[in-house]
Amino acid sequence: MNVRDVDPTLHRAVRHGVDTLFVRRWSPRAMSGEGISQEELHRLLEAARWAPSSYNNQPWRFVYAHRDSPAFDRLFDLLSEGNRPWCGRAAVLLLIVSRTTLERNDKPSPTHSFDAGAAWMSLALQGTISGLVVHGMQGFDYRRAADELGVPDGYQVEAMAAVGRPGEIDDLPEARRERETPKGRKELAEIAFEGRFAG
């Protein structure tokens, strides 16, 4: 079965009239190994560009590499052993970085990670709209990423992501196949509290 044939709405309980775009977005690992064009990647990055940020600081930065390039090999080499088997079929690998200070006055920006997360979500949603697989991850060497990819002081490595065309679940390592289903979410009562934190 190809992951494009998986309907996340059959695995997730949708409440409160939310648009199905948010429910259809999930993080499969099965990718075809085909490349994507620079224009397709730019569409994802353009969506990220329009994310909201404190003081319009736009702290997010992306380091990317298309498959079959030396740059791809550098990013791939940063991945944990658990992510390498399936990321080898990605079309693009991305490193997500955020500037830790405000450009307007160089003071600390408490929301830089929050803002970079908004850009990441915009990118991921555009990926869903575009029919691509977009999978964020923390399984990589953060220190080496900063050092080897030239991330300067004043910037923080946040995450990596793999982007690709949907692939066959059976092409994944056997241990990953059973996990290739959209996951549910906690109920609102577990994450939202009126008036006082209650988690």
Foldseek 3Di string as FASTA:
>chain_A
DWLLPAAQPVVEDDDDPDDCLVSRQFAFLAFALDADDPVLVVLLQVLLLPFDDVVSQSFKDKDKDAPPDPSQVLVLVFFAPVNNQRLNSFGMKIWIKGQQAGPVPRHGDPCRLVSSVRSVVSSSSVCSVVQKRKHKDDGGHQVCCCVVVVPDPRMGTHTMMTIHHIHDLVSGPPVCSVVRGGHYDDDPVVPDDPPDDDD
